Amino acid sequence: MALDAKGAAALALHRFGFGPRAGSIAAIAADPRGALLAELEKPGIGQIVNTELMTAAQSSTAAFNFRQERQARLIAQRKEEEERKASGMSMDRMEPKPESGAQQPAANPQPDFQQQLYFREVKARYDAAFAPEIGFVERLIWFWSNHFCISADQVQSMAGGYEREAIRPHVLGRFGDMLLASAGHPAMLFYLDNSRSIGPKSVAGLVNTRGLNENLAREILELHTLGVRSVYTQEDVTSFAKVLTGWTIVPAATNPEHGGEFIFLQRMHEPGPQTVIGKVYAQPDVAQGRAVLADIARHPATAAHVARKLARHFCSDEPPDSLTERLSRRFLETDGDLKEIARTLIESPETWDAQRLKLKRPSEWLISAWRGIGAVPDAQRGLQAMAYLGERMWRPNAPIGFPDVQSAWIDGLAQRLDIANRIAELVQERIEPGDFVETALGSLASAETRQTIARAESRQQGLTLALMAPEFQRR
C-alpha cells in the first residue's frame, strides 16, 4: 500500500520516533526523511541539561549518606528506648495521654531521598521523550540504554546518571566510545560485580584470597559486542575478566568527595599479559582493558550483532538480511560511527515499508499515547503504568535487557486496555476521539478503525478504542 505524504510522515513518527504530537505530521510531511536526517544535526540533540540532576557518583554518595544517617537515627532511637527502660521509665509514663476522643496526629515519615533522586531522573527522561518533534535520537538513546543495560534494582541512585553519562554523550558518536563509557561506569561495575573482582595473582588477591568475577567480561562479549555463540571461548571470558580486574569504584564511606566514581586499583589487577580473541595484550594497567574494548568494538562479529539488533528494532522481528548486511557494512566502513549508521537506517528502503510489523514495547506505546494527548505524566504515575505493563523503567530482569520482539509483549494487551481506559477517563473532557486520531495517526488510520471509534458510546470509549487501535499499537 502506497502512503501519501502525510501517511509517510505519520509512519516516520511512529517507526523512528515516539509518535506524533499535535501538528507533527503536518510539520514533516513535505520531507519525512529530510526531517529525520535534520534531527541528527541539531546541536545538543539527545542531551539533558538540568542543574537539579546530580552525577551518578554524586547521587550514589548522597544516597549512601542518607542511608547511613537514617540507620544512625534508628540506632539512636533504640538506644534511647533501652536507656529509658533500664531506668524504669517507659514511654507510656513519659508521654501525656491524649484526651478521650482526640484525633491522633498523622504520621509524617521522612521522604525517601533515594526515591526523590530517582523520580527526578525519570521525569527528565519523560520530558526528553516528549520534547522533540520526532524523537528519533531519543529512541536511539532508549535502544542503546537497553543494549548496555543496568538495573535500578541494584543501582537505583545511579540509573539516570548512567544513561546521561554513558549513553547520551555517545549516541551519535562512536560505538567504541559508548562501549568504553558503559563498561567503566560505576553503575555497570556494580551491577555486574566487577567492582569486587580481584585478580587471583594480584597483590589484593594473594593477600585477601578473594577471587575473580567473570560477569562483566561475559556480558560484554556475549551481549554488548560479539554476540552469543560467535568467535569467543570460555578461555577468552576468563582472560578478559582478568584484564578488567582493578576496574572498581571509590567507596563513599572513605572518600566523600569522590565516592561513587570510577577508579583503577593496580593492587587488584591481575599482572601479566592476557590473550583475548587470539591477541596478546601486555599493557600493565588500565590501558590493557581499554585496548581489548577498542579491538572488540571494531570486530566484524560486533558489527553483525549490533546491525541485527538495530534492524530488528526499527524494521521487524525478523529483519531482511539486506538491511542487516547494509548496517553491518556501514558499521565497519565508519569505525562504528553511530550517526552514519543512523543515517543508513533512515535511507534504507526496508525501514520505510508501509507494512507495520513491529509491536510497540509498553514504554513506547505509553510515550506515544502521552504525546498524542499532549500531556506528560508525573514520574510516579508514569512508573506505575510502566510497571503494570511489565516494563519497569531501567529495571530489566536480566543483563540482556527488555526483549524487542512481539512474542514477549503480545499477552500484555489486556493490561494496555486497562491503562488506555484510565488515560481516556482522565482526558475525555478536553479531547475528542476524532481529533486524537488525526493527531496521532492521520491517514494511517483505516476506515474500519475510524468507523469503530465514531460508533463509540462515549468520548472515553472512543479514546480507549483509538489508543488500542492496531495502527496505534504498531510502529
Protein backbone atom coordinates (compact mmCIF):
# COMPACT_ATOMS: atom_id res chain seq x y z
CA MET A 1 0.00 0.00 0.00
CA ALA A 2 1.47 3.33 -1.07
CA LEU A 3 1.32 6.10 1.50
CA ASP A 4 0.53 9.73 0.79
CA ALA A 5 2.81 12.47 2.14
CA LYS A 6 1.04 12.69 5.49
CA GLY A 7 0.93 8.92 5.76
CA ALA A 8 4.69 8.73 5.25
CA ALA A 9 5.14 11.43 7.88
CA ALA A 10 2.97 9.55 10.38
CA LEU A 11 4.87 6.36 9.62
CA ALA A 12 8.18 8.11 10.26
CA LEU A 13 6.97 9.48 13.57
CA HIS A 14 5.84 6.07 14.82
CA ARG A 15 8.64 3.94 13.39
CA PHE A 16 11.61 6.19 14.08
CA GLY A 17 10.26 8.42 16.84
CA PHE A 18 7.88 8.29 19.78
CA GLY A 19 4.73 9.06 17.80
CA PRO A 20 3.16 12.33 16.66
CA ARG A 21 2.34 15.35 18.80
CA ALA A 22 -0.20 17.93 17.75
CA GLY A 23 0.94 19.30 14.39
CA SER A 24 3.88 16.89 13.97
CA ILE A 25 2.52 15.11 10.92
CA ALA A 26 1.97 18.35 9.02
CA ALA A 27 5.34 19.71 10.18
CA ILE A 28 7.38 16.97 8.49
CA ALA A 29 5.03 15.89 5.68
CA ALA A 30 6.96 17.77 3.00
CA ASP A 31 10.08 15.64 3.57
CA PRO A 32 9.92 13.00 6.34
CA ARG A 33 13.36 11.56 5.54
CA GLY A 34 14.88 15.02 5.47
CA ALA A 35 13.29 15.82 8.84
CA LEU A 36 14.82 12.70 10.37
CA LEU A 37 18.24 13.49 8.95
CA ALA A 38 17.95 17.09 10.15
CA GLU A 39 17.27 15.92 13.71
CA LEU A 40 20.65 14.19 13.72
CA GLU A 41 22.35 17.55 13.09
CA LYS A 42 20.62 19.59 15.81
CA PRO A 43 23.12 20.95 18.37
CA GLY A 44 22.83 19.22 21.72
CA ILE A 45 20.25 16.73 20.46
CA GLY A 46 19.69 13.90 22.92
CA GLN A 47 21.41 15.64 25.85
CA ILE A 48 19.67 16.55 29.11
CA VAL A 49 20.73 19.85 30.64
CA ASN A 50 19.24 20.05 34.12
CA THR A 51 21.14 21.56 37.02
CA GLU A 52 18.87 19.76 39.51
CA LEU A 53 20.25 16.38 38.44
CA MET A 54 23.35 15.02 40.13
CA THR A 55 26.04 12.94 38.50
CA ALA A 56 25.74 9.20 39.10
CA ALA A 57 28.63 9.37 41.59
CA GLN A 58 27.07 12.29 43.45
CA SER A 59 23.70 10.54 43.60
CA SER A 60 25.33 7.37 44.86
CA THR A 61 27.19 9.23 47.60
CA ALA A 62 24.11 11.24 48.58
CA ALA A 63 22.03 8.06 48.77
CA PHE A 64 24.76 6.37 50.84
CA ASN A 65 24.82 9.31 53.26
CA PHE A 66 21.02 9.25 53.50
CA ARG A 67 21.01 5.55 54.36
CA GLN A 68 23.77 5.99 56.94
CA GLU A 69 22.00 8.91 58.62
CA ARG A 70 18.71 7.00 58.68
CA GLN A 71 20.41 3.99 60.21
CA ALA A 72 22.13 6.20 62.79
CA ARG A 73 18.80 7.73 63.82
CA LEU A 74 17.23 4.32 64.25
CA ILE A 75 20.16 3.16 66.37
CA ALA A 76 19.98 6.33 68.48
CA GLN A 77 16.24 5.87 69.00
CA ARG A 78 16.71 2.24 70.01
CA LYS A 79 19.46 3.15 72.49
CA GLU A 80 17.31 5.91 73.95
CA GLU A 81 14.43 3.47 74.41
CA GLU A 82 16.74 0.92 76.02
CA GLU A 83 18.07 3.58 78.41
CA ARG A 84 14.54 4.59 79.39
CA LYS A 85 13.57 1.00 80.03
CA ALA A 86 16.72 0.46 82.06
CA SER A 87 15.86 3.46 84.25
CA GLY A 88 12.31 2.19 84.78
CA MET A 89 10.70 5.00 82.78
CA SER A 90 8.55 3.67 79.96
CA MET A 91 7.39 5.77 77.07
CA ASP A 92 3.83 5.49 78.39
CA ARG A 93 4.83 7.20 81.64
CA MET A 94 6.84 9.94 79.98
CA GLU A 95 4.35 10.94 77.29
CA PRO A 96 0.99 12.54 78.18
CA LYS A 97 -2.12 10.55 77.31
CA PRO A 98 -4.34 12.12 74.63
CA GLU A 99 -7.76 13.27 75.72
CA SER A 100 -10.57 10.88 75.06
CA GLY A 101 -11.83 11.24 71.50
CA ALA A 102 -8.92 13.45 70.45
CA GLN A 103 -7.62 12.75 66.94
CA GLN A 104 -4.06 11.44 66.76
CA PRO A 105 -1.70 13.49 64.58
CA ALA A 106 -0.95 11.83 61.25
CA ALA A 107 2.45 10.27 60.91
CA ASN A 108 4.88 12.36 58.91
CA PRO A 109 7.60 9.96 57.74
CA GLN A 110 10.73 11.45 56.28
CA PRO A 111 10.62 11.38 52.45
CA ASP A 112 12.85 8.76 50.92
CA PHE A 113 15.67 10.80 49.44
CA GLN A 114 16.69 7.98 47.12
CA GLN A 115 13.20 7.92 45.62
CA GLN A 116 13.31 11.67 45.11
CA LEU A 117 16.54 11.37 43.14
CA TYR A 118 15.07 8.58 41.04
CA PHE A 119 11.83 10.45 40.31
CA ARG A 120 13.79 13.49 39.10
CA GLU A 121 15.70 11.33 36.64
CA VAL A 122 12.51 9.63 35.44
CA LYS A 123 10.78 12.98 34.89
CA ALA A 124 13.79 14.27 32.96
CA ARG A 125 13.65 11.18 30.72
CA TYR A 126 9.92 11.61 30.10
CA ASP A 127 10.41 15.29 29.25
CA ALA A 128 13.21 14.42 26.83
CA ALA A 129 10.95 11.92 25.02
CA PHE A 130 8.09 14.40 24.84
CA ALA A 131 10.01 17.47 23.69
CA PRO A 132 11.31 16.75 20.14
CA GLU A 133 9.14 16.93 17.03
CA ILE A 134 10.09 13.36 16.04
CA GLY A 135 12.23 11.84 18.79
CA PHE A 136 14.47 9.65 16.61
CA VAL A 137 17.59 10.39 18.64
CA GLU A 138 15.67 9.78 21.85
CA ARG A 139 14.55 6.40 20.50
CA LEU A 140 18.20 5.61 19.76
CA ILE A 141 19.10 6.54 23.33
CA TRP A 142 16.46 4.19 24.71
CA PHE A 143 17.70 1.47 22.35
CA TRP A 144 21.32 1.81 23.43
CA SER A 145 20.39 2.18 27.10
CA ASN A 146 18.61 -1.17 26.83
CA HIS A 147 21.53 -2.69 24.90
CA PHE A 148 24.05 -1.63 27.58
CA CYS A 149 21.51 -2.06 30.36
CA ILE A 150 21.93 -1.87 34.11
CA SER A 151 19.17 -2.36 36.67
CA ALA A 152 17.83 0.21 39.11
CA ASP A 153 17.00 -2.69 41.41
CA GLN A 154 20.73 -2.79 42.15
CA VAL A 155 21.80 0.80 41.39
CA GLN A 156 18.69 2.94 41.69
CA SER A 157 20.54 6.12 42.60
CA MET A 158 22.84 5.78 39.56
CA ALA A 159 20.36 4.67 36.89
CA GLY A 160 19.52 8.07 35.42
CA GLY A 161 23.07 9.35 35.72
CA TYR A 162 24.37 6.25 33.96
CA GLU A 163 22.20 6.92 30.92
CA ARG A 164 23.10 10.63 30.88
CA GLU A 165 26.83 9.94 31.22
CA ALA A 166 27.48 6.68 29.35
CA ILE A 167 24.80 6.66 26.64
CA ARG A 168 23.62 10.16 25.72
CA PRO A 169 27.04 11.77 25.05
CA HIS A 170 27.91 8.99 22.57
CA VAL A 171 24.55 8.29 20.91
CA LEU A 172 25.75 9.93 17.68
CA GLY A 173 29.44 9.27 18.31
CA ARG A 174 31.43 6.06 18.01
CA PHE A 175 30.28 2.70 19.28
CA GLY A 176 33.70 2.08 20.83
CA ASP A 177 33.42 5.21 22.94
CA MET A 178 29.97 4.21 24.21
CA LEU A 179 31.27 0.71 24.96
CA LEU A 180 34.17 2.11 26.99
CA ALA A 181 31.93 4.60 28.80
CA SER A 182 29.41 1.92 29.76
CA ALA A 183 31.96 -0.76 30.71
CA GLY A 184 33.83 1.62 33.00
CA HIS A 185 30.83 3.35 34.51
CA PRO A 186 30.36 2.76 38.25
CA ALA A 187 26.75 1.67 37.70
CA MET A 188 27.85 -1.12 35.34
CA LEU A 189 30.81 -2.10 37.52
CA PHE A 190 28.49 -2.50 40.50
CA TYR A 191 25.61 -4.12 38.58
CA LEU A 192 27.80 -6.84 37.09
CA ASP A 193 30.00 -7.24 40.19
CA ASN A 194 33.25 -6.13 38.61
CA SER A 195 33.91 -3.65 41.41
CA ARG A 196 34.64 -6.70 43.62
CA SER A 197 36.56 -8.73 41.04
CA ILE A 198 40.17 -9.32 42.03
CA GLY A 199 42.95 -10.93 40.03
CA PRO A 200 43.96 -14.22 41.70
CA LYS A 201 47.67 -13.37 41.41
CA SER A 202 47.29 -9.67 42.19
CA VAL A 203 48.50 -8.19 45.47
CA ALA A 204 44.95 -7.99 46.81
CA GLY A 205 44.13 -11.47 45.55
CA LEU A 206 47.13 -13.09 47.24
CA VAL A 207 46.67 -11.20 50.50
CA ASN A 208 42.87 -11.46 50.78
CA THR A 209 42.31 -14.75 48.90
CA ARG A 210 39.38 -13.19 47.11
CA GLY A 211 38.61 -14.20 43.57
CA LEU A 212 37.76 -13.33 40.02
CA ASN A 213 34.27 -12.40 38.85
CA GLU A 214 33.52 -13.01 35.16
CA ASN A 215 30.09 -11.37 34.90
CA LEU A 216 31.11 -8.12 33.21
CA ALA A 217 33.55 -9.78 30.82
CA ARG A 218 30.98 -12.37 29.76
CA GLU A 219 28.16 -9.88 29.21
CA ILE A 220 30.38 -7.51 27.22
CA LEU A 221 31.38 -10.30 24.86
CA GLU A 222 28.02 -12.06 24.69
CA LEU A 223 25.55 -9.17 24.81
CA HIS A 224 27.29 -5.86 24.16
CA THR A 225 29.69 -6.72 21.34
CA LEU A 226 30.45 -10.03 19.63
CA GLY A 227 27.19 -11.85 20.34
CA VAL A 228 26.43 -15.28 21.76
CA ARG A 229 27.99 -18.31 20.07
CA SER A 230 30.29 -16.19 17.94
CA VAL A 231 34.10 -16.01 17.95
CA TYR A 232 34.98 -16.13 21.66
CA THR A 233 35.51 -19.05 24.03
CA GLN A 234 35.27 -19.54 27.79
CA GLU A 235 39.02 -19.04 27.94
CA ASP A 236 38.52 -15.61 26.36
CA VAL A 237 35.92 -14.76 29.01
CA THR A 238 38.31 -15.70 31.81
CA SER A 239 41.22 -13.80 30.28
CA PHE A 240 39.09 -10.73 29.66
CA ALA A 241 37.80 -10.88 33.24
CA LYS A 242 41.42 -10.78 34.42
CA VAL A 243 42.05 -7.79 32.15
CA LEU A 244 39.15 -5.95 33.83
CA THR A 245 40.32 -6.57 37.39
CA GLY A 246 41.13 -3.33 39.15
CA TRP A 247 38.24 -1.52 37.43
CA THR A 248 36.34 -0.58 40.55
CA ILE A 249 34.59 2.22 42.46
CA VAL A 250 35.79 4.77 45.02
CA PRO A 251 33.94 3.93 48.27
CA ALA A 252 31.71 6.72 49.53
CA ALA A 253 32.35 5.73 53.15
CA THR A 254 36.02 6.70 52.99
CA ASN A 255 36.03 9.36 50.27
CA PRO A 256 33.03 11.70 50.41
CA GLU A 257 34.46 13.93 47.68
CA HIS A 258 34.99 11.25 45.02
CA GLY A 259 32.84 8.44 46.36
CA GLY A 260 30.99 6.51 43.64
CA GLU A 261 33.49 7.42 40.91
CA PHE A 262 35.50 5.02 38.74
CA ILE A 263 39.00 4.17 39.88
CA PHE A 264 41.64 1.73 38.66
CA LEU A 265 43.40 -0.05 41.53
CA GLN A 266 46.65 -1.68 40.45
CA ARG A 267 46.79 -3.90 43.53
CA MET A 268 43.56 -5.64 42.42
CA HIS A 269 44.71 -6.06 38.82
CA GLU A 270 45.90 -9.44 37.56
CA PRO A 271 49.55 -8.98 36.48
CA GLY A 272 50.97 -10.12 33.19
CA PRO A 273 49.81 -10.38 29.58
CA GLN A 274 46.41 -11.84 28.64
CA THR A 275 45.21 -13.34 25.38
CA VAL A 276 41.71 -12.39 24.20
CA ILE A 277 40.29 -13.50 20.81
CA GLY A 278 43.74 -14.61 19.68
CA LYS A 279 45.57 -11.37 20.50
CA VAL A 280 48.02 -10.81 23.34
CA TYR A 281 47.59 -7.69 25.49
CA ALA A 282 50.64 -6.89 27.59
CA GLN A 283 49.74 -3.44 28.94
CA PRO A 284 50.40 -3.29 32.69
CA ASP A 285 47.46 -1.17 33.81
CA VAL A 286 44.03 0.22 32.86
CA ALA A 287 45.24 0.58 29.26
CA GLN A 288 45.01 -3.20 28.90
CA GLY A 289 41.23 -3.17 29.30
CA ARG A 290 40.82 -0.16 27.06
CA ALA A 291 42.82 -1.87 24.32
CA VAL A 292 40.67 -5.02 24.45
CA LEU A 293 37.46 -2.95 24.35
CA ALA A 294 38.75 -0.93 21.38
CA ASP A 295 39.53 -4.09 19.42
CA ILE A 296 36.28 -5.93 20.07
CA ALA A 297 34.34 -2.74 19.27
CA ARG A 298 35.78 -2.95 15.72
CA HIS A 299 35.34 -6.70 15.26
CA PRO A 300 33.16 -7.89 12.34
CA ALA A 301 31.16 -10.07 14.74
CA THR A 302 30.30 -6.96 16.75
CA ALA A 303 29.21 -5.15 13.60
CA ALA A 304 26.94 -8.06 12.65
CA HIS A 305 25.48 -8.38 16.16
CA VAL A 306 24.75 -4.67 16.53
CA ALA A 307 23.38 -4.40 12.99
CA ARG A 308 20.89 -7.18 13.54
CA LYS A 309 19.65 -5.66 16.79
CA LEU A 310 19.16 -2.25 15.16
CA ALA A 311 17.40 -3.80 12.16
CA ARG A 312 15.14 -5.80 14.43
CA HIS A 313 14.28 -2.72 16.47
CA PHE A 314 13.49 -0.38 13.58
CA CYS A 315 12.18 -2.82 10.97
CA SER A 316 10.75 -6.17 12.06
CA ASP A 317 11.28 -9.07 14.44
CA GLU A 318 12.86 -10.98 11.57
CA PRO A 319 14.57 -8.18 9.61
CA PRO A 320 15.62 -8.71 5.99
CA ASP A 321 19.21 -9.79 5.51
CA SER A 322 19.72 -6.91 3.08
CA LEU A 323 19.17 -4.35 5.84
CA THR A 324 21.29 -6.18 8.40
CA GLU A 325 24.16 -6.55 5.95
CA ARG A 326 23.98 -2.90 4.91
CA LEU A 327 24.11 -1.72 8.52
CA SER A 328 26.95 -4.12 9.35
CA ARG A 329 28.96 -2.95 6.35
CA ARG A 330 28.44 0.69 7.28
CA PHE A 331 29.50 -0.04 10.84
CA LEU A 332 32.82 -1.45 9.62
CA GLU A 333 33.35 1.27 6.98
CA THR A 334 32.95 4.09 9.51
CA ASP A 335 34.66 2.51 12.53
CA GLY A 336 31.34 2.28 14.34
CA ASP A 337 30.15 5.84 13.65
CA LEU A 338 26.65 5.73 15.14
CA LYS A 339 25.46 8.85 13.34
CA GLU A 340 26.34 7.29 9.98
CA ILE A 341 24.62 4.08 11.00
CA ALA A 342 21.53 6.10 11.97
CA ARG A 343 21.65 7.76 8.54
CA THR A 344 21.77 4.33 6.94
CA LEU A 345 18.65 3.31 8.86
CA ILE A 346 16.82 6.39 7.55
CA GLU A 347 17.98 5.94 3.98
CA SER A 348 17.29 2.19 3.73
CA PRO A 349 14.13 1.28 1.80
CA GLU A 350 13.39 -1.63 4.16
CA THR A 351 12.67 0.73 7.06
CA TRP A 352 10.02 2.57 5.02
CA ASP A 353 7.89 -0.46 4.21
CA ALA A 354 4.26 0.57 4.70
CA GLN A 355 3.53 -2.80 6.31
CA ARG A 356 3.87 -2.18 10.04
CA LEU A 357 5.17 -5.37 11.63
CA LYS A 358 6.61 -4.18 14.95
CA LEU A 359 4.50 -4.17 18.10
CA LYS A 360 5.47 -1.21 20.26
CA ARG A 361 7.02 -2.08 23.58
CA PRO A 362 4.91 -0.89 26.55
CA SER A 363 7.14 2.13 27.17
CA GLU A 364 6.95 3.19 23.51
CA TRP A 365 3.18 2.81 23.46
CA LEU A 366 2.81 4.88 26.63
CA ILE A 367 5.07 7.67 25.39
CA SER A 368 3.22 7.80 22.06
CA ALA A 369 -0.10 7.95 23.92
CA TRP A 370 1.08 10.83 26.10
CA ARG A 371 2.50 12.69 23.09
CA GLY A 372 -0.74 12.28 21.16
CA ILE A 373 -2.75 13.54 24.13
CA GLY A 374 -0.35 16.38 24.83
CA ALA A 375 0.45 15.72 28.48
CA VAL A 376 3.45 14.30 30.32
CA PRO A 377 2.55 12.39 33.50
CA ASP A 378 4.35 12.88 36.78
CA ALA A 379 7.13 10.41 37.40
CA GLN A 380 5.30 8.25 39.92
CA ARG A 381 2.19 7.76 37.80
CA GLY A 382 4.26 7.00 34.73
CA LEU A 383 6.36 4.46 36.61
CA GLN A 384 3.25 2.75 37.94
CA ALA A 385 1.82 2.44 34.43
CA MET A 386 5.07 1.02 33.04
CA ALA A 387 5.35 -1.46 35.90
CA TYR A 388 1.76 -2.61 35.38
CA LEU A 389 2.59 -3.25 31.72
CA GLY A 390 5.66 -5.29 32.64
CA GLU A 391 8.42 -2.90 31.58
CA ARG A 392 9.70 -1.23 34.73
CA MET A 393 11.93 1.69 33.82
CA TRP A 394 15.65 0.84 33.99
CA ARG A 395 14.74 -2.48 35.62
CA PRO A 396 15.16 -5.34 33.12
CA ASN A 397 15.08 -8.82 34.60
CA ALA A 398 18.50 -9.74 33.20
CA PRO A 399 21.57 -8.13 31.58
CA ILE A 400 20.17 -8.94 28.14
CA GLY A 401 17.69 -6.08 28.61
CA PHE A 402 14.00 -5.93 27.74
CA PRO A 403 13.01 -8.15 24.80
CA ASP A 404 12.39 -6.50 21.44
CA VAL A 405 10.04 -9.00 19.80
CA GLN A 406 6.26 -9.22 19.68
CA SER A 407 6.03 -12.60 21.42
CA ALA A 408 7.32 -11.06 24.66
CA TRP A 409 4.60 -8.38 24.83
CA ILE A 410 1.52 -9.60 22.95
CA ASP A 411 -0.01 -11.22 26.05
CA GLY A 412 0.02 -7.83 27.78
CA LEU A 413 -2.62 -6.22 25.55
CA ALA A 414 -5.27 -6.71 28.24
CA GLN A 415 -3.17 -4.58 30.60
CA ARG A 416 -2.78 -1.97 27.87
CA LEU A 417 -6.57 -1.85 27.62
CA ASP A 418 -6.78 -1.08 31.35
CA ILE A 419 -4.25 1.75 31.01
CA ALA A 420 -5.91 3.07 27.84
CA ASN A 421 -9.25 3.22 29.62
CA ARG A 422 -7.71 5.06 32.56
CA ILE A 423 -5.97 7.58 30.30
CA ALA A 424 -9.20 8.13 28.37
CA GLU A 425 -11.08 8.70 31.61
CA LEU A 426 -8.61 11.41 32.65
CA VAL A 427 -8.61 13.35 29.35
CA GLN A 428 -12.11 12.81 27.93
CA GLU A 429 -13.32 16.26 28.94
CA ARG A 430 -10.80 18.05 26.71
CA ILE A 431 -10.05 15.67 23.81
CA GLU A 432 -12.35 14.42 21.07
CA PRO A 433 -11.57 10.89 19.88
CA GLY A 434 -11.63 12.01 16.25
CA ASP A 435 -9.15 14.80 16.97
CA PHE A 436 -6.82 12.32 18.68
CA VAL A 437 -6.95 10.02 15.65
CA GLU A 438 -5.97 12.86 13.34
CA THR A 439 -3.14 13.95 15.65
CA ALA A 440 -1.76 10.51 16.41
CA LEU A 441 -2.44 8.53 13.24
CA GLY A 442 -3.63 10.74 10.40
CA SER A 443 -4.03 8.73 7.22
CA LEU A 444 -2.58 5.62 8.87
CA ALA A 445 -5.98 5.11 10.50
CA SER A 446 -8.06 2.69 8.42
CA ALA A 447 -11.69 3.28 7.52
CA GLU A 448 -12.63 0.40 9.80
CA THR A 449 -10.81 1.96 12.75
CA ARG A 450 -12.38 5.35 12.14
CA GLN A 451 -15.84 3.81 11.89
CA THR A 452 -15.36 1.81 15.10
CA ILE A 453 -14.28 4.93 17.01
CA ALA A 454 -17.14 7.00 15.55
CA ARG A 455 -19.65 4.44 16.83
CA ALA A 456 -18.33 4.59 20.39
CA GLU A 457 -20.96 5.24 23.05
CA SER A 458 -18.88 7.90 24.82
CA ARG A 459 -15.76 10.02 24.49
CA GLN A 460 -13.98 7.79 26.96
CA GLN A 461 -14.81 4.67 24.98
CA GLY A 462 -13.82 6.34 21.72
CA LEU A 463 -10.44 7.41 23.12
CA THR A 464 -9.86 3.94 24.57
CA LEU A 465 -10.58 2.39 21.17
CA ALA A 466 -8.20 4.84 19.49
CA LEU A 467 -5.38 4.03 21.93
CA MET A 468 -5.97 0.32 21.37
CA ALA A 469 -6.31 0.56 17.59
CA PRO A 470 -3.97 -1.81 15.71
CA GLU A 471 -2.48 1.16 13.87
CA PHE A 472 -1.56 2.80 17.18
CA GLN A 473 -0.15 -0.38 18.73
CA ARG A 474 2.38 -0.84 15.96
CA ARG A 475 5.29 1.08 14.55
